[in-house]
Protein backbone atom coordinates (compact mmCIF):
# COMPACT_ATOMS: atom_id res chain seq x y z
CA MET A 1 -4.85 -10.35 -58.37
CA TYR A 2 -3.84 -14.04 -58.40
CA LEU A 3 -2.04 -13.52 -61.57
CA SER A 4 0.02 -10.65 -60.09
CA GLY A 5 1.17 -13.02 -57.29
CA MET A 6 1.96 -15.85 -59.72
CA MET A 7 3.86 -13.62 -61.85
CA ASN A 8 5.85 -12.32 -58.94
CA ILE A 9 6.47 -15.75 -57.44
CA GLY A 10 6.78 -17.99 -60.65
CA GLY A 11 8.76 -15.39 -62.76
CA VAL A 12 11.37 -14.95 -60.02
CA LEU A 13 11.81 -18.70 -59.36
CA VAL A 14 11.91 -19.83 -62.93
CA LEU A 15 13.89 -17.09 -64.52
CA SER A 16 16.54 -16.74 -61.64
CA ARG A 17 16.64 -20.61 -61.74
CA PHE A 18 15.61 -20.69 -58.03
CA PHE A 19 18.14 -17.85 -57.01
CA SER A 20 21.06 -19.43 -58.97
CA ASN A 21 21.18 -17.08 -61.89
CA ASN A 22 24.09 -14.89 -61.03
CA VAL A 23 23.48 -12.73 -64.27
CA ILE A 24 20.37 -11.31 -62.82
CA ASN A 25 22.39 -10.36 -59.64
CA GLU A 26 25.18 -8.81 -61.48
CA ALA A 27 23.04 -6.75 -63.87
CA ASP A 28 21.46 -4.96 -60.91
CA PRO A 29 23.03 -6.05 -57.61
CA VAL A 30 21.10 -3.57 -55.40
CA VAL A 31 17.60 -4.37 -56.44
CA MET A 32 18.08 -7.77 -58.03
CA SER A 33 20.29 -9.44 -55.32
CA ASN A 34 19.00 -12.77 -54.21
CA PHE A 35 17.57 -10.92 -51.08
CA GLY A 36 15.92 -8.55 -53.44
CA LEU A 37 14.59 -11.40 -55.72
CA LEU A 38 13.33 -13.31 -52.23
CA MET A 39 11.47 -10.07 -51.40
CA ILE A 40 9.67 -9.91 -54.73
CA VAL A 41 8.59 -13.43 -53.98
CA VAL A 42 7.27 -12.33 -50.72
CA TRP A 43 5.19 -9.45 -52.37
CA GLY A 44 3.87 -12.25 -54.63
CA LEU A 45 2.75 -14.10 -51.56
CA SER A 46 1.14 -10.83 -50.24
CA PHE A 47 -0.78 -10.42 -53.39
CA LEU A 48 -2.21 -13.90 -53.33
CA ALA A 49 -3.00 -13.75 -49.52
CA MET A 50 -5.12 -10.49 -50.01
CA ALA A 51 -6.84 -11.51 -53.28
CA PRO A 52 -9.74 -13.40 -51.72
CA LYS A 53 -10.78 -10.27 -49.59
CA TRP A 54 -9.35 -7.34 -52.05
CA ASN A 55 -12.55 -5.56 -51.75
CA HIS A 56 -12.02 -4.86 -47.93
CA LEU A 57 -8.37 -3.96 -48.36
CA LYS A 58 -8.18 -0.56 -49.97
CA TRP A 59 -5.13 0.47 -48.19
CA VAL A 60 -3.31 -2.48 -48.71
CA ILE A 61 -4.14 -2.38 -52.34
CA GLY A 62 -2.89 1.40 -52.08
CA ALA A 63 0.56 0.02 -50.80
CA PHE A 64 0.75 -2.31 -53.93
CA VAL A 65 0.08 0.76 -56.18
CA ILE A 66 3.22 2.42 -54.57
CA GLU A 67 5.31 -1.00 -54.73
CA LYS A 68 4.36 -1.64 -58.29
CA PHE A 69 5.33 2.08 -59.27
CA ILE A 70 8.63 1.93 -57.54
CA TYR A 71 9.64 -1.37 -59.30
CA GLY A 72 8.25 -0.13 -62.73
CA PHE A 73 10.27 3.35 -62.13
CA VAL A 74 13.52 1.58 -61.18
CA TRP A 75 13.24 -0.98 -64.15
CA THR A 76 12.65 2.02 -66.66
CA LYS A 77 15.62 3.81 -65.05
CA TRP A 78 17.64 0.44 -65.45
CA LEU A 79 16.64 0.30 -69.15
CA MET A 80 17.71 4.00 -69.90
CA ASN A 81 21.30 3.10 -68.20
CA ASN A 82 22.20 -0.46 -69.26
CA ASN A 83 22.28 -2.40 -72.57
CA LEU A 84 19.55 -5.31 -72.49
CA SER A 85 21.46 -6.95 -75.25
CA ASP A 86 24.42 -7.43 -72.98
CA VAL A 87 22.47 -9.25 -70.33
CA TYR A 88 20.82 -11.60 -73.26
CA GLU A 89 24.50 -12.35 -74.45
CA GLN A 90 25.30 -13.62 -70.85
CA ASP A 91 22.11 -15.55 -70.29
CA MET A 92 18.79 -15.63 -72.07
CA MET A 93 16.76 -16.23 -68.92
CA ALA A 94 18.14 -13.23 -67.36
CA GLY A 95 17.57 -11.30 -70.46
CA ILE A 96 13.95 -12.48 -70.49
CA PHE A 97 13.70 -11.38 -66.93
CA TYR A 98 15.04 -7.86 -67.43
CA THR A 99 12.59 -7.55 -70.46
CA ILE A 100 9.51 -8.41 -68.67
CA TYR A 101 9.87 -7.49 -64.95
CA GLY A 102 9.25 -3.91 -65.16
CA ALA A 103 6.60 -4.14 -67.88
CA ASN A 104 4.80 -6.63 -65.51
CA ASP A 105 5.07 -4.02 -62.79
CA TRP A 106 3.68 -1.12 -64.78
CA PHE A 107 0.79 -3.16 -65.91
CA PHE A 108 -0.08 -4.09 -62.43
CA PHE A 109 0.52 -0.63 -61.24
CA ILE A 110 -2.19 0.59 -63.47
CA PHE A 111 -4.53 -2.38 -62.41
CA TYR A 112 -4.00 -1.82 -58.68
CA LEU A 113 -4.50 1.93 -59.15
CA ILE A 114 -7.87 1.09 -60.96
CA VAL A 115 -8.83 -1.26 -58.24
CA PHE A 116 -7.81 1.37 -55.58
CA ILE A 117 -9.77 4.33 -57.32
CA TYR A 118 -12.72 2.03 -57.68
CA LEU A 119 -12.75 1.01 -53.99
CA SER A 120 -12.45 4.63 -53.03
CA LYS A 121 -15.43 5.65 -54.88
CA THR A 122 -17.56 2.56 -54.06
CA GLN A 123 -16.85 2.83 -50.37
CA ASN A 124 -18.11 6.54 -50.48
CA LYS A 125 -15.06 7.60 -48.63
CA VAL A 126 -12.33 10.23 -49.24
CA ILE A 127 -9.15 8.72 -50.93
CA TRP A 128 -6.71 10.69 -48.55
């Protein structure tokens, strides 16, 4: 869970060059505007904040499952409609960002989903 937070915060800050990498913004101006990147950092702070008490926060983790699914889905759709090579030609760090961000989100979607299911079973409560 700490890794999830660090990936969001560190990945965005490093690869966006602290929000100055315009190629990231131009490649997906809706999701990856500087505001969108800042919100990814905020999600990272949320992951870090809940990590010490994760076993008491099933529904927060459920929200993380949804968040990671949405970003993973949006990334997959972006890859299907854009040429990643074009981004690499403009800026290598932006290319790396677009290569890993969705894979990271799909990985942590599965992780948080497993944790959510685990908590649902161990707490002997109905998921929904």
